[in-house]
Amino acid sequence: MARQAKIYFQDKLAGYLVEGDNGYLFNYDPVYLESNNPKPISLTIPISKHIYHSKVLFPFFDGLIPEGWLLNIGEKHWKLNPRDRFELLLNLCRDTIGAVSVYPMEEKNHG
């Protein structure tokens, strides 16, 4: 079964990231696209109705995953697999330093 994440830009739901058998898909939420002056989550993922596909986790999302001590905490305390980048993204990227945050699909809202 595919794992999914909601991607927020600042406090707005911007789109969805899906991990499937053939790699990863990202698409912007239609409501976000129609909002006033939507911003791209990354220069490498411009605003578009197009569904983006990548065989590996998009470098932009992979770059959100912390390294060093925070990654070690995730591995030790939450028993996260350091090779499962999507699991790390879902568990460690809710409160990122930048404008983009990631939430598991099951969670109805964030805050």
C-alpha atoms as a PDB file:
ATOM      1  CA  MET A   1       0.000   0.000   0.000  1.00  0.00           C
ATOM      2  CA  ALA A   2       1.257   3.441  -0.918  1.00  0.00           C
ATOM      3  CA  ARG A   3       2.258   5.801   1.854  1.00  0.00           C
ATOM      4  CA  GLN A   4       1.095   9.376   1.549  1.00  0.00           C
ATOM      5  CA  ALA A   5       1.976  12.715   3.075  1.00  0.00           C
ATOM      6  CA  LYS A   6       0.351  16.130   3.118  1.00  0.00           C
ATOM      7  CA  ILE A   7       2.763  18.914   2.249  1.00  0.00           C
ATOM      8  CA  TYR A   8       2.155  22.316   3.784  1.00  0.00           C
ATOM      9  CA  PHE A   9       3.655  25.609   2.640  1.00  0.00           C
ATOM     10  CA  GLN A  10       3.556  27.914   5.634  1.00  0.00           C
ATOM     11  CA  ASP A  11       0.081  27.060   7.018  1.00  0.00           C
ATOM     12  CA  LYS A  12      -1.599  26.132   3.746  1.00  0.00           C
ATOM     13  CA  LEU A  13      -2.053  22.612   2.409  1.00  0.00           C
ATOM     14  CA  ALA A  14       0.032  22.822  -0.766  1.00  0.00           C
ATOM     15  CA  GLY A  15      -0.014  19.280  -2.076  1.00  0.00           C
ATOM     16  CA  TYR A  16       0.476  15.562  -1.631  1.00  0.00           C
ATOM     17  CA  LEU A  17       3.502  13.302  -1.762  1.00  0.00           C
ATOM     18  CA  VAL A  18       2.885   9.615  -2.475  1.00  0.00           C
ATOM     19  CA  GLU A  19       5.327   6.740  -2.261  1.00  0.00           C
ATOM     20  CA  GLY A  20       4.333   3.949  -4.650  1.00  0.00           C
ATOM     21  CA  ASP A  21       5.805   0.866  -6.279  1.00  0.00           C
ATOM     22  CA  ASN A  22       7.322   2.895  -9.131  1.00  0.00           C
ATOM     23  CA  GLY A  23       8.769   5.735  -7.083  1.00  0.00           C
ATOM     24  CA  TYR A  24       7.302   8.976  -5.815  1.00  0.00           C
ATOM     25  CA  LEU A  25       4.565  11.311  -7.001  1.00  0.00           C
ATOM     26  CA  PHE A  26       3.903  14.895  -5.967  1.00  0.00           C
ATOM     27  CA  ASN A  27       0.969  17.024  -6.989  1.00  0.00           C
ATOM     28  CA  TYR A  28      -0.249  20.401  -5.854  1.00  0.00           C
ATOM     29  CA  ASP A  29      -3.671  20.592  -4.222  1.00  0.00           C
ATOM     30  CA  PRO A  30      -6.248  22.142  -6.628  1.00  0.00           C
ATOM     31  CA  VAL A  31      -7.475  24.555  -3.928  1.00  0.00           C
ATOM     32  CA  TYR A  32      -3.894  25.710  -3.334  1.00  0.00           C
ATOM     33  CA  LEU A  33      -3.358  26.208  -7.081  1.00  0.00           C
ATOM     34  CA  GLU A  34      -6.446  28.423  -7.240  1.00  0.00           C
ATOM     35  CA  SER A  35      -5.565  30.401  -4.123  1.00  0.00           C
ATOM     36  CA  ASN A  36      -4.292  33.964  -4.326  1.00  0.00           C
ATOM     37  CA  ASN A  37      -0.662  33.908  -5.544  1.00  0.00           C
ATOM     38  CA  PRO A  38       0.325  30.299  -4.693  1.00  0.00           C
ATOM     39  CA  LYS A  39       4.052  29.833  -4.086  1.00  0.00           C
ATOM     40  CA  PRO A  40       6.025  26.799  -5.253  1.00  0.00           C
ATOM     41  CA  ILE A  41       7.295  24.607  -2.422  1.00  0.00           C
ATOM     42  CA  SER A  42      10.627  24.446  -4.251  1.00  0.00           C
ATOM     43  CA  LEU A  43      12.271  25.907  -7.345  1.00  0.00           C
ATOM     44  CA  THR A  44      12.638  22.316  -8.568  1.00  0.00           C
ATOM     45  CA  ILE A  45       8.870  21.711  -8.189  1.00  0.00           C
ATOM     46  CA  PRO A  46       7.222  24.760  -9.797  1.00  0.00           C
ATOM     47  CA  ILE A  47       3.508  25.525  -9.502  1.00  0.00           C
ATOM     48  CA  SER A  48       1.690  23.274 -11.966  1.00  0.00           C
ATOM     49  CA  LYS A  49      -1.347  21.030 -12.359  1.00  0.00           C
ATOM     50  CA  HIS A  50       1.144  18.446 -13.614  1.00  0.00           C
ATOM     51  CA  ILE A  51       1.875  15.398 -11.414  1.00  0.00           C
ATOM     52  CA  TYR A  52       5.584  15.172 -10.710  1.00  0.00           C
ATOM     53  CA  HIS A  53       7.211  11.729 -10.700  1.00  0.00           C
ATOM     54  CA  SER A  54      10.608  10.627  -9.414  1.00  0.00           C
ATOM     55  CA  LYS A  55      12.140   7.155  -9.100  1.00  0.00           C
ATOM     56  CA  VAL A  56      13.842   8.265  -5.855  1.00  0.00           C
ATOM     57  CA  LEU A  57      12.568  10.574  -3.137  1.00  0.00           C
ATOM     58  CA  PHE A  58      12.590  14.072  -4.648  1.00  0.00           C
ATOM     59  CA  PRO A  59      15.890  15.733  -3.649  1.00  0.00           C
ATOM     60  CA  PHE A  60      13.964  18.690  -2.213  1.00  0.00           C
ATOM     61  CA  PHE A  61      12.081  16.434   0.234  1.00  0.00           C
ATOM     62  CA  ASP A  62      15.154  14.359   1.003  1.00  0.00           C
ATOM     63  CA  GLY A  63      16.920  17.607   1.886  1.00  0.00           C
ATOM     64  CA  LEU A  64      14.297  18.365   4.557  1.00  0.00           C
ATOM     65  CA  ILE A  65      15.329  15.288   6.559  1.00  0.00           C
ATOM     66  CA  PRO A  66      17.567  16.334   9.440  1.00  0.00           C
ATOM     67  CA  GLU A  67      21.024  14.965   9.953  1.00  0.00           C
ATOM     68  CA  GLY A  68      23.214  14.510  12.982  1.00  0.00           C
ATOM     69  CA  TRP A  69      21.753  14.505  16.472  1.00  0.00           C
ATOM     70  CA  LEU A  70      18.100  14.909  15.442  1.00  0.00           C
ATOM     71  CA  LEU A  71      18.359  11.991  13.031  1.00  0.00           C
ATOM     72  CA  ASN A  72      20.000   9.943  15.794  1.00  0.00           C
ATOM     73  CA  ILE A  73      17.105  10.727  18.138  1.00  0.00           C
ATOM     74  CA  GLY A  74      14.650   9.554  15.475  1.00  0.00           C
ATOM     75  CA  GLU A  75      16.539   6.321  14.962  1.00  0.00           C
ATOM     76  CA  LYS A  76      17.023   5.522  18.641  1.00  0.00           C
ATOM     77  CA  HIS A  77      13.854   6.767  20.348  1.00  0.00           C
ATOM     78  CA  TRP A  78      11.290   6.188  17.622  1.00  0.00           C
ATOM     79  CA  LYS A  79      12.985   3.101  16.148  1.00  0.00           C
ATOM     80  CA  LEU A  80      13.001   4.657  12.688  1.00  0.00           C
ATOM     81  CA  ASN A  81      14.856   2.887   9.909  1.00  0.00           C
ATOM     82  CA  PRO A  82      17.665   5.214   8.750  1.00  0.00           C
ATOM     83  CA  ARG A  83      17.382   3.799   5.208  1.00  0.00           C
ATOM     84  CA  ASP A  84      13.631   4.486   4.985  1.00  0.00           C
ATOM     85  CA  ARG A  85      13.787   8.101   3.851  1.00  0.00           C
ATOM     86  CA  PHE A  86      10.005   8.417   3.500  1.00  0.00           C
ATOM     87  CA  GLU A  87       9.476   7.254   7.105  1.00  0.00           C
ATOM     88  CA  LEU A  88      12.091   9.746   8.273  1.00  0.00           C
ATOM     89  CA  LEU A  89      10.397  12.493   6.262  1.00  0.00           C
ATOM     90  CA  LEU A  90       6.999  11.692   7.794  1.00  0.00           C
ATOM     91  CA  ASN A  91       8.297  11.545  11.350  1.00  0.00           C
ATOM     92  CA  LEU A  92      10.955  14.245  11.485  1.00  0.00           C
ATOM     93  CA  CYS A  93       9.733  17.000   9.135  1.00  0.00           C
ATOM     94  CA  ARG A  94       6.618  18.410  10.792  1.00  0.00           C
ATOM     95  CA  ASP A  95       8.405  21.379  12.297  1.00  0.00           C
ATOM     96  CA  THR A  96      11.044  22.292   9.758  1.00  0.00           C
ATOM     97  CA  ILE A  97      13.060  25.494   9.829  1.00  0.00           C
ATOM     98  CA  GLY A  98      11.756  26.541   6.419  1.00  0.00           C
ATOM     99  CA  ALA A  99       8.275  27.178   5.067  1.00  0.00           C
ATOM    100  CA  VAL A 100       7.508  23.558   4.122  1.00  0.00           C
ATOM    101  CA  SER A 101       6.294  20.919   6.574  1.00  0.00           C
ATOM    102  CA  VAL A 102       5.228  17.306   6.115  1.00  0.00           C
ATOM    103  CA  TYR A 103       2.398  15.437   7.846  1.00  0.00           C
ATOM    104  CA  PRO A 104       1.258  11.824   7.495  1.00  0.00           C
ATOM    105  CA  MET A 105      -1.958  11.495   5.504  1.00  0.00           C
ATOM    106  CA  GLU A 106      -3.884  10.016   8.462  1.00  0.00           C
ATOM    107  CA  GLU A 107      -3.624  13.206  10.491  1.00  0.00           C
ATOM    108  CA  LYS A 108      -6.633  15.408   9.743  1.00  0.00           C
ATOM    109  CA  ASN A 109      -4.950  18.676  10.609  1.00  0.00           C
ATOM    110  CA  HIS A 110      -1.786  20.060  12.056  1.00  0.00           C
ATOM    111  CA  GLY A 111      -1.012  22.655  14.603  1.00  0.00           C
END
